[in-house]
Protein backbone atom coordinates (compact mmCIF):
# COMPACT_ATOMS: atom_id res chain seq x y z
CA MET A 1 9.41 7.04 -11.35
CA LYS A 2 6.05 6.68 -13.05
CA GLN A 3 6.77 3.01 -13.73
CA ASN A 4 7.28 2.30 -10.03
CA ILE A 5 4.34 4.17 -8.49
CA GLY A 6 2.32 0.98 -7.96
CA ILE A 7 5.21 -0.82 -6.30
CA ILE A 8 5.87 2.18 -4.06
CA LEU A 9 2.23 2.23 -2.91
CA ILE A 10 2.30 -1.50 -2.16
CA VAL A 11 5.50 -1.12 -0.13
CA LEU A 12 4.06 1.86 1.78
CA GLY A 13 0.96 -0.17 2.64
CA ALA A 14 3.07 -3.08 3.84
CA LEU A 15 5.27 -0.75 5.89
CA LEU A 16 2.18 0.80 7.47
CA LEU A 17 1.02 -2.67 8.52
CA ILE A 18 4.44 -3.49 9.97
CA VAL A 19 4.69 -0.19 11.86
CA SER A 20 1.16 -0.53 13.21
CA TYR A 21 2.00 -4.03 14.46
CA PHE A 22 5.15 -2.98 16.31
CA ALA A 23 3.58 0.24 17.63
CA ASP A 24 0.65 -1.80 19.02
CA LEU A 25 -1.88 -0.03 16.79
CA VAL A 26 -3.36 -3.23 15.36
CA ASP A 27 -6.64 -2.71 17.22
CA TYR A 28 -7.28 0.58 15.40
CA ASN A 29 -9.04 -0.14 12.14
CA PHE A 30 -8.00 3.18 10.59
CA TYR A 31 -4.42 2.01 10.11
CA ASN A 32 -5.42 -1.38 8.74
CA ILE A 33 -7.94 0.09 6.30
CA GLY A 34 -5.41 2.72 5.21
CA ALA A 35 -2.83 0.03 4.52
CA LEU A 36 -5.39 -2.05 2.63
CA VAL A 37 -6.37 0.94 0.48
CA LEU A 38 -2.70 1.68 -0.28
CA ILE A 39 -2.02 -1.93 -1.26
CA ILE A 40 -5.09 -2.20 -3.49
CA ALA A 41 -4.38 1.19 -5.08
CA GLY A 42 -0.80 0.07 -5.68
CA ILE A 43 -1.91 -3.13 -7.39
CA VAL A 44 -4.39 -1.28 -9.58
CA ALA A 45 -1.86 1.43 -10.44
CA HIS A 46 0.80 -1.15 -11.27
CA ILE A 47 -1.55 -3.01 -13.60
CA TYR A 48 -2.69 0.23 -15.24
CA VAL A 49 0.84 1.53 -15.83
CA THR A 50 2.04 -1.85 -17.07
CA LYS A 51 -0.83 -2.22 -19.54
CA ARG A 52 -0.37 1.33 -20.77
CA SER A 53 3.38 0.94 -21.42
């Protein structure tokens, strides 16, 4: 589970973008910024866990 935390965050961010598109929430910056933060945190976490292993 710890190995996949970065990938899970990236997928959650992408799913948030997809859901906000189909729910017509694209105009609200909160959802887009939240998805961006999740994706960036996922990338950083994935790199950190990979380097540490």
